[in-house]
PDB file of N, CA and C in Angstrom:
ATOM      1  N   MET A   1     100.049 107.179  77.167  1.00  0.00           N
ATOM      2  CA  MET A   1      99.753 108.037  78.297  1.00  0.00           C
ATOM      3  C   MET A   1      98.975 107.259  79.357  1.00  0.00           C
ATOM      4  N   ALA A   2      99.307 107.475  80.598  1.00  0.00           N
ATOM      5  CA  ALA A   2      98.606 106.799  81.688  1.00  0.00           C
ATOM      6  C   ALA A   2      97.143 107.234  81.703  1.00  0.00           C
ATOM      7  N   LEU A   3      96.269 106.293  81.977  1.00  0.00           N
ATOM      8  CA  LEU A   3      94.842 106.575  82.035  1.00  0.00           C
ATOM      9  C   LEU A   3      94.515 107.407  83.270  1.00  0.00           C
ATOM     10  N   GLU A   4      93.520 108.262  83.168  1.00  0.00           N
ATOM     11  CA  GLU A   4      93.032 108.991  84.332  1.00  0.00           C
ATOM     12  C   GLU A   4      91.915 108.158  84.946  1.00  0.00           C
ATOM     13  N   LEU A   5      92.209 107.564  86.082  1.00  0.00           N
ATOM     14  CA  LEU A   5      91.239 106.701  86.743  1.00  0.00           C
ATOM     15  C   LEU A   5      90.413 107.503  87.743  1.00  0.00           C
ATOM     16  N   THR A   6      89.149 107.094  87.909  1.00  0.00           N
ATOM     17  CA  THR A   6      88.243 107.759  88.836  1.00  0.00           C
ATOM     18  C   THR A   6      87.430 106.708  89.579  1.00  0.00           C
ATOM     19  N   ASP A   7      86.709 107.148  90.595  1.00  0.00           N
ATOM     20  CA  ASP A   7      85.793 106.240  91.286  1.00  0.00           C
ATOM     21  C   ASP A   7      84.817 105.617  90.279  1.00  0.00           C
ATOM     22  N   ALA A   8      84.415 106.401  89.268  1.00  0.00           N
ATOM     23  CA  ALA A   8      83.402 105.972  88.309  1.00  0.00           C
ATOM     24  C   ALA A   8      83.916 104.933  87.308  1.00  0.00           C
ATOM     25  N   ASN A   9      85.170 105.064  86.845  1.00  0.00           N
ATOM     26  CA  ASN A   9      85.650 104.151  85.791  1.00  0.00           C
ATOM     27  C   ASN A   9      86.600 103.067  86.303  1.00  0.00           C
ATOM     28  N   PHE A  10      86.900 103.061  87.593  1.00  0.00           N
ATOM     29  CA  PHE A  10      87.903 102.158  88.147  1.00  0.00           C
ATOM     30  C   PHE A  10      87.564 100.683  87.903  1.00  0.00           C
ATOM     31  N   GLU A  11      86.342 100.306  88.210  1.00  0.00           N
ATOM     32  CA  GLU A  11      85.972  98.892  88.054  1.00  0.00           C
ATOM     33  C   GLU A  11      86.089  98.447  86.601  1.00  0.00           C
ATOM     34  N   GLU A  12      85.595  99.276  85.687  1.00  0.00           N
ATOM     35  CA  GLU A  12      85.620  98.927  84.265  1.00  0.00           C
ATOM     36  C   GLU A  12      87.051  98.803  83.740  1.00  0.00           C
ATOM     37  N   LEU A  13      87.908  99.783  84.077  1.00  0.00           N
ATOM     38  CA  LEU A  13      89.251  99.828  83.503  1.00  0.00           C
ATOM     39  C   LEU A  13      90.278  98.961  84.230  1.00  0.00           C
ATOM     40  N   VAL A  14      90.096  98.743  85.534  1.00  0.00           N
ATOM     41  CA  VAL A  14      91.098  98.006  86.316  1.00  0.00           C
ATOM     42  C   VAL A  14      90.593  96.629  86.733  1.00  0.00           C
ATOM     43  N   ILE A  15      89.496  96.591  87.462  1.00  0.00           N
ATOM     44  CA  ILE A  15      89.001  95.333  88.027  1.00  0.00           C
ATOM     45  C   ILE A  15      88.588  94.345  86.926  1.00  0.00           C
ATOM     46  N   LYS A  16      87.925  94.837  85.890  1.00  0.00           N
ATOM     47  CA  LYS A  16      87.435  93.946  84.823  1.00  0.00           C
ATOM     48  C   LYS A  16      88.459  93.733  83.701  1.00  0.00           C
ATOM     49  N   SER A  17      89.633  94.323  83.825  1.00  0.00           N
ATOM     50  CA  SER A  17      90.634  94.211  82.766  1.00  0.00           C
ATOM     51  C   SER A  17      91.192  92.787  82.679  1.00  0.00           C
ATOM     52  N   ASP A  18      91.448  92.347  81.452  1.00  0.00           N
ATOM     53  CA  ASP A  18      92.075  91.032  81.260  1.00  0.00           C
ATOM     54  C   ASP A  18      93.606  91.138  81.273  1.00  0.00           C
ATOM     55  N   LYS A  19      94.100  92.364  81.484  1.00  0.00           N
ATOM     56  CA  LYS A  19      95.551  92.599  81.565  1.00  0.00           C
ATOM     57  C   LYS A  19      95.902  93.013  82.992  1.00  0.00           C
ATOM     58  N   PRO A  20      97.149  92.816  83.405  1.00  0.00           N
ATOM     59  CA  PRO A  20      97.582  93.356  84.703  1.00  0.00           C
ATOM     60  C   PRO A  20      97.434  94.877  84.694  1.00  0.00           C
ATOM     61  N   ALA A  21      97.255  95.460  85.865  1.00  0.00           N
ATOM     62  CA  ALA A  21      97.080  96.915  85.948  1.00  0.00           C
ATOM     63  C   ALA A  21      97.946  97.492  87.059  1.00  0.00           C
ATOM     64  N   ILE A  22      98.470  98.687  86.799  1.00  0.00           N
ATOM     65  CA  ILE A  22      99.183  99.466  87.810  1.00  0.00           C
ATOM     66  C   ILE A  22      98.340 100.709  88.061  1.00  0.00           C
ATOM     67  N   VAL A  23      98.075 100.985  89.334  1.00  0.00           N
ATOM     68  CA  VAL A  23      97.327 102.188  89.697  1.00  0.00           C
ATOM     69  C   VAL A  23      98.197 103.044  90.619  1.00  0.00           C
ATOM     70  N   ASP A  24      98.526 104.229  90.153  1.00  0.00           N
ATOM     71  CA  ASP A  24      99.312 105.195  90.925  1.00  0.00           C
ATOM     72  C   ASP A  24      98.325 106.095  91.656  1.00  0.00           C
ATOM     73  N   LEU A  25      98.260 105.965  92.980  1.00  0.00           N
ATOM     74  CA  LEU A  25      97.396 106.814  93.797  1.00  0.00           C
ATOM     75  C   LEU A  25      98.230 107.996  94.273  1.00  0.00           C
ATOM     76  N   TRP A  26      97.800 109.198  93.927  1.00  0.00           N
ATOM     77  CA  TRP A  26      98.621 110.376  94.111  1.00  0.00           C
ATOM     78  C   TRP A  26      97.757 111.595  94.441  1.00  0.00           C
ATOM     79  N   ALA A  27      98.413 112.715  94.724  1.00  0.00           N
ATOM     80  CA  ALA A  27      97.746 114.003  94.911  1.00  0.00           C
ATOM     81  C   ALA A  27      98.660 115.115  94.409  1.00  0.00           C
ATOM     82  N   GLU A  28      98.062 116.184  93.950  1.00  0.00           N
ATOM     83  CA  GLU A  28      98.789 117.314  93.378  1.00  0.00           C
ATOM     84  C   GLU A  28      99.806 117.905  94.360  1.00  0.00           C
ATOM     85  N   TRP A  29      99.464 117.963  95.628  1.00  0.00           N
ATOM     86  CA  TRP A  29     100.294 118.617  96.648  1.00  0.00           C
ATOM     87  C   TRP A  29     101.423 117.720  97.179  1.00  0.00           C
ATOM     88  N   CYS A  30     101.503 116.486  96.728  1.00  0.00           N
ATOM     89  CA  CYS A  30     102.454 115.495  97.253  1.00  0.00           C
ATOM     90  C   CYS A  30     103.764 115.515  96.462  1.00  0.00           C
ATOM     91  N   GLY A  31     104.843 115.927  97.116  1.00  0.00           N
ATOM     92  CA  GLY A  31     106.152 115.994  96.455  1.00  0.00           C
ATOM     93  C   GLY A  31     106.635 114.669  95.897  1.00  0.00           C
ATOM     94  N   PRO A  32     106.676 113.598  96.710  1.00  0.00           N
ATOM     95  CA  PRO A  32     107.112 112.295  96.182  1.00  0.00           C
ATOM     96  C   PRO A  32     106.234 111.796  95.031  1.00  0.00           C
ATOM     97  N   CYS A  33     104.954 112.168  95.047  1.00  0.00           N
ATOM     98  CA  CYS A  33     104.059 111.768  93.949  1.00  0.00           C
ATOM     99  C   CYS A  33     104.533 112.374  92.629  1.00  0.00           C
ATOM    100  N   ARG A  34     105.034 113.610  92.703  1.00  0.00           N
ATOM    101  CA  ARG A  34     105.515 114.265  91.489  1.00  0.00           C
ATOM    102  C   ARG A  34     106.792 113.619  90.979  1.00  0.00           C
ATOM    103  N   MET A  35     107.519 112.929  91.856  1.00  0.00           N
ATOM    104  CA  MET A  35     108.709 112.196  91.418  1.00  0.00           C
ATOM    105  C   MET A  35     108.312 110.890  90.728  1.00  0.00           C
ATOM    106  N   VAL A  36     107.280 110.241  91.223  1.00  0.00           N
ATOM    107  CA  VAL A  36     106.836 108.947  90.690  1.00  0.00           C
ATOM    108  C   VAL A  36     106.028 109.117  89.405  1.00  0.00           C
ATOM    109  N   GLY A  37     105.289 110.201  89.289  1.00  0.00           N
ATOM    110  CA  GLY A  37     104.410 110.427  88.141  1.00  0.00           C
ATOM    111  C   GLY A  37     105.063 110.221  86.783  1.00  0.00           C
ATOM    112  N   PRO A  38     106.218 110.849  86.524  1.00  0.00           N
ATOM    113  CA  PRO A  38     106.868 110.655  85.217  1.00  0.00           C
ATOM    114  C   PRO A  38     107.280 109.195  84.968  1.00  0.00           C
ATOM    115  N   LEU A  39     107.628 108.470  86.025  1.00  0.00           N
ATOM    116  CA  LEU A  39     108.003 107.061  85.867  1.00  0.00           C
ATOM    117  C   LEU A  39     106.797 106.236  85.429  1.00  0.00           C
ATOM    118  N   VAL A  40     105.649 106.547  86.013  1.00  0.00           N
ATOM    119  CA  VAL A  40     104.419 105.846  85.647  1.00  0.00           C
ATOM    120  C   VAL A  40     104.070 106.145  84.190  1.00  0.00           C
ATOM    121  N   GLU A  41     104.264 107.394  83.771  1.00  0.00           N
ATOM    122  CA  GLU A  41     104.028 107.761  82.366  1.00  0.00           C
ATOM    123  C   GLU A  41     104.936 106.951  81.429  1.00  0.00           C
ATOM    124  N   GLU A  42     106.220 106.842  81.793  1.00  0.00           N
ATOM    125  CA  GLU A  42     107.155 106.072  80.965  1.00  0.00           C
ATOM    126  C   GLU A  42     106.705 104.617  80.867  1.00  0.00           C
ATOM    127  N   LEU A  43     106.308 104.039  81.977  1.00  0.00           N
ATOM    128  CA  LEU A  43     105.843 102.650  81.967  1.00  0.00           C
ATOM    129  C   LEU A  43     104.601 102.493  81.093  1.00  0.00           C
ATOM    130  N   SER A  44     103.728 103.509  81.093  1.00  0.00           N
ATOM    131  CA  SER A  44     102.505 103.413  80.290  1.00  0.00           C
ATOM    132  C   SER A  44     102.838 103.312  78.802  1.00  0.00           C
ATOM    133  N   HIS A  45     103.928 103.948  78.384  1.00  0.00           N
ATOM    134  CA  HIS A  45     104.347 103.850  76.985  1.00  0.00           C
ATOM    135  C   HIS A  45     105.032 102.510  76.717  1.00  0.00           C
ATOM    136  N   GLU A  46     105.896 102.096  77.628  1.00  0.00           N
ATOM    137  CA  GLU A  46     106.662 100.866  77.442  1.00  0.00           C
ATOM    138  C   GLU A  46     105.791  99.610  77.470  1.00  0.00           C
ATOM    139  N   TYR A  47     104.703  99.646  78.233  1.00  0.00           N
ATOM    140  CA  TYR A  47     103.848  98.461  78.384  1.00  0.00           C
ATOM    141  C   TYR A  47     102.500  98.626  77.694  1.00  0.00           C
ATOM    142  N   GLU A  48     102.419  99.588  76.767  1.00  0.00           N
ATOM    143  CA  GLU A  48     101.167  99.827  76.056  1.00  0.00           C
ATOM    144  C   GLU A  48     100.697  98.544  75.369  1.00  0.00           C
ATOM    145  N   GLY A  49      99.432  98.205  75.581  1.00  0.00           N
ATOM    146  CA  GLY A  49      98.866  97.000  74.988  1.00  0.00           C
ATOM    147  C   GLY A  49      99.082  95.746  75.819  1.00  0.00           C
ATOM    148  N   ARG A  50     100.007  95.809  76.786  1.00  0.00           N
ATOM    149  CA  ARG A  50     100.288  94.634  77.618  1.00  0.00           C
ATOM    150  C   ARG A  50      99.797  94.796  79.047  1.00  0.00           C
ATOM    151  N   ALA A  51      99.586  96.047  79.472  1.00  0.00           N
ATOM    152  CA  ALA A  51      99.137  96.320  80.843  1.00  0.00           C
ATOM    153  C   ALA A  51      98.324  97.609  80.859  1.00  0.00           C
ATOM    154  N   VAL A  52      97.434  97.715  81.840  1.00  0.00           N
ATOM    155  CA  VAL A  52      96.671  98.938  82.062  1.00  0.00           C
ATOM    156  C   VAL A  52      97.436  99.746  83.101  1.00  0.00           C
ATOM    157  N   ILE A  53      97.764 100.978  82.757  1.00  0.00           N
ATOM    158  CA  ILE A  53      98.526 101.817  83.681  1.00  0.00           C
ATOM    159  C   ILE A  53      97.807 103.146  83.813  1.00  0.00           C
ATOM    160  N   GLY A  54      97.444 103.456  85.068  1.00  0.00           N
ATOM    161  CA  GLY A  54      96.670 104.665  85.287  1.00  0.00           C
ATOM    162  C   GLY A  54      97.011 105.363  86.587  1.00  0.00           C
ATOM    163  N   LYS A  55      96.483 106.572  86.708  1.00  0.00           N
ATOM    164  CA  LYS A  55      96.708 107.408  87.890  1.00  0.00           C
ATOM    165  C   LYS A  55      95.351 107.774  88.469  1.00  0.00           C
ATOM    166  N   LEU A  56      95.268 107.755  89.801  1.00  0.00           N
ATOM    167  CA  LEU A  56      94.026 108.096  90.485  1.00  0.00           C
ATOM    168  C   LEU A  56      94.326 109.162  91.538  1.00  0.00           C
ATOM    169  N   ASP A  57      93.724 110.329  91.379  1.00  0.00           N
ATOM    170  CA  ASP A  57      93.907 111.437  92.316  1.00  0.00           C
ATOM    171  C   ASP A  57      93.087 111.141  93.573  1.00  0.00           C
ATOM    172  N   VAL A  58      93.775 110.946  94.708  1.00  0.00           N
ATOM    173  CA  VAL A  58      93.084 110.549  95.939  1.00  0.00           C
ATOM    174  C   VAL A  58      92.154 111.646  96.461  1.00  0.00           C
ATOM    175  N   ASP A  59      92.457 112.905  96.193  1.00  0.00           N
ATOM    176  CA  ASP A  59      91.608 113.997  96.671  1.00  0.00           C
ATOM    177  C   ASP A  59      90.273 114.043  95.926  1.00  0.00           C
ATOM    178  N   SER A  60      90.278 113.672  94.659  1.00  0.00           N
ATOM    179  CA  SER A  60      89.069 113.719  93.841  1.00  0.00           C
ATOM    180  C   SER A  60      88.281 112.415  93.847  1.00  0.00           C
ATOM    181  N   ASN A  61      88.867 111.344  94.359  1.00  0.00           N
ATOM    182  CA  ASN A  61      88.250 110.020  94.293  1.00  0.00           C
ATOM    183  C   ASN A  61      88.298 109.310  95.643  1.00  0.00           C
ATOM    184  N   PRO A  62      87.498 109.796  96.608  1.00  0.00           N
ATOM    185  CA  PRO A  62      87.554 109.217  97.955  1.00  0.00           C
ATOM    186  C   PRO A  62      87.044 107.776  98.045  1.00  0.00           C
ATOM    187  N   GLY A  63      86.212 107.360  97.106  1.00  0.00           N
ATOM    188  CA  GLY A  63      85.647 106.006  97.158  1.00  0.00           C
ATOM    189  C   GLY A  63      86.709 104.931  97.037  1.00  0.00           C
ATOM    190  N   ILE A  64      87.503 104.990  95.988  1.00  0.00           N
ATOM    191  CA  ILE A  64      88.564 103.999  95.769  1.00  0.00           C
ATOM    192  C   ILE A  64      89.625 104.135  96.844  1.00  0.00           C
ATOM    193  N   THR A  65      89.944 105.365  97.203  1.00  0.00           N
ATOM    194  CA  THR A  65      90.947 105.614  98.238  1.00  0.00           C
ATOM    195  C   THR A  65      90.547 104.920  99.545  1.00  0.00           C
ATOM    196  N   ALA A  66      89.297 105.054  99.934  1.00  0.00           N
ATOM    197  CA  ALA A  66      88.803 104.418 101.164  1.00  0.00           C
ATOM    198  C   ALA A  66      88.702 102.905 101.010  1.00  0.00           C
ATOM    199  N   LYS A  67      88.219 102.450  99.861  1.00  0.00           N
ATOM    200  CA  LYS A  67      88.028 101.007  99.637  1.00  0.00           C
ATOM    201  C   LYS A  67      89.324 100.227  99.848  1.00  0.00           C
ATOM    202  N   TYR A  68      90.427 100.797  99.394  1.00  0.00           N
ATOM    203  CA  TYR A  68      91.711 100.109  99.501  1.00  0.00           C
ATOM    204  C   TYR A  68      92.553 100.594 100.681  1.00  0.00           C
ATOM    205  N   GLY A  69      91.971 101.410 101.546  1.00  0.00           N
ATOM    206  CA  GLY A  69      92.638 101.829 102.771  1.00  0.00           C
ATOM    207  C   GLY A  69      93.924 102.591 102.546  1.00  0.00           C
ATOM    208  N   ILE A  70      93.921 103.479 101.561  1.00  0.00           N
ATOM    209  CA  ILE A  70      95.130 104.232 101.226  1.00  0.00           C
ATOM    210  C   ILE A  70      95.354 105.318 102.266  1.00  0.00           C
ATOM    211  N   ARG A  71      96.458 105.225 102.987  1.00  0.00           N
ATOM    212  CA  ARG A  71      96.775 106.208 104.025  1.00  0.00           C
ATOM    213  C   ARG A  71      98.018 107.025 103.682  1.00  0.00           C
ATOM    214  N   ASN A  72      98.880 106.474 102.854  1.00  0.00           N
ATOM    215  CA  ASN A  72     100.114 107.160 102.464  1.00  0.00           C
ATOM    216  C   ASN A  72     100.172 107.218 100.940  1.00  0.00           C
ATOM    217  N   ILE A  73     100.683 108.341 100.441  1.00  0.00           N
ATOM    218  CA  ILE A  73     100.877 108.435  98.998  1.00  0.00           C
ATOM    219  C   ILE A  73     102.288 108.930  98.725  1.00  0.00           C
ATOM    220  N   PRO A  74     102.881 108.581  97.611  1.00  0.00           N
ATOM    221  CA  PRO A  74     102.268 107.757  96.581  1.00  0.00           C
ATOM    222  C   PRO A  74     102.172 106.292  97.008  1.00  0.00           C
ATOM    223  N   THR A  75     101.071 105.680  96.628  1.00  0.00           N
ATOM    224  CA  THR A  75     100.914 104.228  96.743  1.00  0.00           C
ATOM    225  C   THR A  75     100.633 103.720  95.343  1.00  0.00           C
ATOM    226  N   ILE A  76     101.326 102.668  94.970  1.00  0.00           N
ATOM    227  CA  ILE A  76     101.089 102.056  93.664  1.00  0.00           C
ATOM    228  C   ILE A  76     100.579 100.647  93.906  1.00  0.00           C
ATOM    229  N   LEU A  77      99.375 100.390  93.392  1.00  0.00           N
ATOM    230  CA  LEU A  77      98.760  99.069  93.526  1.00  0.00           C
ATOM    231  C   LEU A  77      98.913  98.328  92.207  1.00  0.00           C
ATOM    232  N   PHE A  78      99.244  97.068  92.309  1.00  0.00           N
ATOM    233  CA  PHE A  78      99.393  96.197  91.140  1.00  0.00           C
ATOM    234  C   PHE A  78      98.254  95.187  91.171  1.00  0.00           C
ATOM    235  N   PHE A  79      97.437  95.178  90.129  1.00  0.00           N
ATOM    236  CA  PHE A  79      96.285  94.285  90.057  1.00  0.00           C
ATOM    237  C   PHE A  79      96.492  93.201  89.013  1.00  0.00           C
ATOM    238  N   LYS A  80      96.005  92.010  89.330  1.00  0.00           N
ATOM    239  CA  LYS A  80      95.932  90.934  88.346  1.00  0.00           C
ATOM    240  C   LYS A  80      94.628  90.201  88.590  1.00  0.00           C
ATOM    241  N   ASN A  81      93.861  90.001  87.528  1.00  0.00           N
ATOM    242  CA  ASN A  81      92.556  89.333  87.616  1.00  0.00           C
ATOM    243  C   ASN A  81      91.642  90.020  88.630  1.00  0.00           C
ATOM    244  N   GLY A  82      91.697  91.339  88.691  1.00  0.00           N
ATOM    245  CA  GLY A  82      90.811  92.102  89.555  1.00  0.00           C
ATOM    246  C   GLY A  82      91.190  92.136  91.020  1.00  0.00           C
ATOM    247  N   GLU A  83      92.315  91.520  91.373  1.00  0.00           N
ATOM    248  CA  GLU A  83      92.753  91.471  92.774  1.00  0.00           C
ATOM    249  C   GLU A  83      94.107  92.170  92.918  1.00  0.00           C
ATOM    250  N   ILE A  84      94.359  92.710  94.114  1.00  0.00           N
ATOM    251  CA  ILE A  84      95.677  93.303  94.362  1.00  0.00           C
ATOM    252  C   ILE A  84      96.711  92.187  94.445  1.00  0.00           C
ATOM    253  N   ALA A  85      97.713  92.271  93.585  1.00  0.00           N
ATOM    254  CA  ALA A  85      98.763  91.257  93.550  1.00  0.00           C
ATOM    255  C   ALA A  85     100.046  91.757  94.210  1.00  0.00           C
ATOM    256  N   ASP A  86     100.212  93.079  94.279  1.00  0.00           N
ATOM    257  CA  ASP A  86     101.412  93.662  94.874  1.00  0.00           C
ATOM    258  C   ASP A  86     101.116  95.119  95.192  1.00  0.00           C
ATOM    259  N   LYS A  87     102.012  95.730  95.964  1.00  0.00           N
ATOM    260  CA  LYS A  87     101.805  97.103  96.412  1.00  0.00           C
ATOM    261  C   LYS A  87     103.165  97.743  96.661  1.00  0.00           C
ATOM    262  N   GLN A  88     103.265  99.024  96.348  1.00  0.00           N
ATOM    263  CA  GLN A  88     104.484  99.776  96.627  1.00  0.00           C
ATOM    264  C   GLN A  88     104.082 101.108  97.234  1.00  0.00           C
ATOM    265  N   VAL A  89     104.594 101.406  98.413  1.00  0.00           N
ATOM    266  CA  VAL A  89     104.308 102.684  99.064  1.00  0.00           C
ATOM    267  C   VAL A  89     105.581 103.517  99.059  1.00  0.00           C
ATOM    268  N   GLY A  90     105.461 104.758  98.619  1.00  0.00           N
ATOM    269  CA  GLY A  90     106.609 105.650  98.588  1.00  0.00           C
ATOM    270  C   GLY A  90     107.276 105.666  97.224  1.00  0.00           C
ATOM    271  N   ALA A  91     108.145 106.640  97.053  1.00  0.00           N
ATOM    272  CA  ALA A  91     108.856 106.813  95.790  1.00  0.00           C
ATOM    273  C   ALA A  91     109.976 105.780  95.666  1.00  0.00           C
ATOM    274  N   VAL A  92     110.021 105.118  94.525  1.00  0.00           N
ATOM    275  CA  VAL A  92     111.065 104.125  94.235  1.00  0.00           C
ATOM    276  C   VAL A  92     111.528 104.306  92.793  1.00  0.00           C
ATOM    277  N   PRO A  93     112.685 103.746  92.447  1.00  0.00           N
ATOM    278  CA  PRO A  93     113.142 103.834  91.058  1.00  0.00           C
ATOM    279  C   PRO A  93     112.197 103.082  90.113  1.00  0.00           C
ATOM    280  N   LYS A  94     112.202 103.499  88.868  1.00  0.00           N
ATOM    281  CA  LYS A  94     111.365 102.874  87.844  1.00  0.00           C
ATOM    282  C   LYS A  94     111.630 101.379  87.742  1.00  0.00           C
ATOM    283  N   SER A  95     112.873 100.954  87.925  1.00  0.00           N
ATOM    284  CA  SER A  95     113.219  99.537  87.804  1.00  0.00           C
ATOM    285  C   SER A  95     112.446  98.674  88.797  1.00  0.00           C
ATOM    286  N   VAL A  96     112.160  99.215  89.980  1.00  0.00           N
ATOM    287  CA  VAL A  96     111.397  98.473  90.992  1.00  0.00           C
ATOM    288  C   VAL A  96     109.963  98.255  90.505  1.00  0.00           C
ATOM    289  N   LEU A  97     109.377  99.303  89.954  1.00  0.00           N
ATOM    290  CA  LEU A  97     108.008  99.196  89.452  1.00  0.00           C
ATOM    291  C   LEU A  97     107.928  98.251  88.257  1.00  0.00           C
ATOM    292  N   ALA A  98     108.893  98.373  87.358  1.00  0.00           N
ATOM    293  CA  ALA A  98     108.919  97.501  86.169  1.00  0.00           C
ATOM    294  C   ALA A  98     109.076  96.035  86.562  1.00  0.00           C
ATOM    295  N   ALA A  99     109.923  95.755  87.563  1.00  0.00           N
ATOM    296  CA  ALA A  99     110.132  94.377  87.998  1.00  0.00           C
ATOM    297  C   ALA A  99     108.839  93.793  88.578  1.00  0.00           C
ATOM    298  N   LYS A 100     108.121  94.581  89.358  1.00  0.00           N
ATOM    299  CA  LYS A 100     106.855  94.104  89.936  1.00  0.00           C
ATOM    300  C   LYS A 100     105.827  93.834  88.831  1.00  0.00           C
ATOM    301  N   LEU A 101     105.791  94.709  87.831  1.00  0.00           N
ATOM    302  CA  LEU A 101     104.859  94.518  86.715  1.00  0.00           C
ATOM    303  C   LEU A 101     105.232  93.289  85.894  1.00  0.00           C
ATOM    304  N   GLU A 102     106.506  93.108  85.639  1.00  0.00           N
ATOM    305  CA  GLU A 102     106.960  91.954  84.843  1.00  0.00           C
ATOM    306  C   GLU A 102     106.481  90.625  85.451  1.00  0.00           C
ATOM    307  N   LYS A 103     106.473  90.550  86.789  1.00  0.00           N
ATOM    308  CA  LYS A 103     106.026  89.319  87.465  1.00  0.00           C
ATOM    309  C   LYS A 103     104.571  89.000  87.165  1.00  0.00           C
ATOM    310  N   LEU A 104     103.783  90.012  86.810  1.00  0.00           N
ATOM    311  CA  LEU A 104     102.362  89.820  86.578  1.00  0.00           C
ATOM    312  C   LEU A 104     102.020  89.538  85.107  1.00  0.00           C
ATOM    313  N   LEU A 105     102.984  89.749  84.228  1.00  0.00           N
ATOM    314  CA  LEU A 105     102.721  89.553  82.783  1.00  0.00           C
ATOM    315  C   LEU A 105     102.791  88.087  82.398  1.00  0.00           C
TER     316      LEU A 105
END
C-alpha cells in the first residue's frame, strides 16, 4: 500500500530514504488524481522493498506543496538521494510511471 505522506513525515520517509521514491501529490476533488491513484497503488505493490511510494494530499499538507512549487495536480515527483530526479504532471499510463522509476533503480 502506498504510504500516506505528510508535511511532518516527508523528510524522514522520502528525503532521507536510501531507496528511490515516488510522491503522488493529489487532492480528493481532483478527477485526474482519482485516475492516477490506483496506478500508484499498483506500483507500491510491484516495487515493495525496492522503492518508497507514497501519496501526499496537497490540501492537508501546504508545506511540501509550497516547497516544491506544486501548481497543478496530479503531480508525481521522483526522488533519488533526496533530490528530485524526475517529474510528471497530469494523468499518464502506468507504464510511463514505471519507466521513470526503473531509471532510478
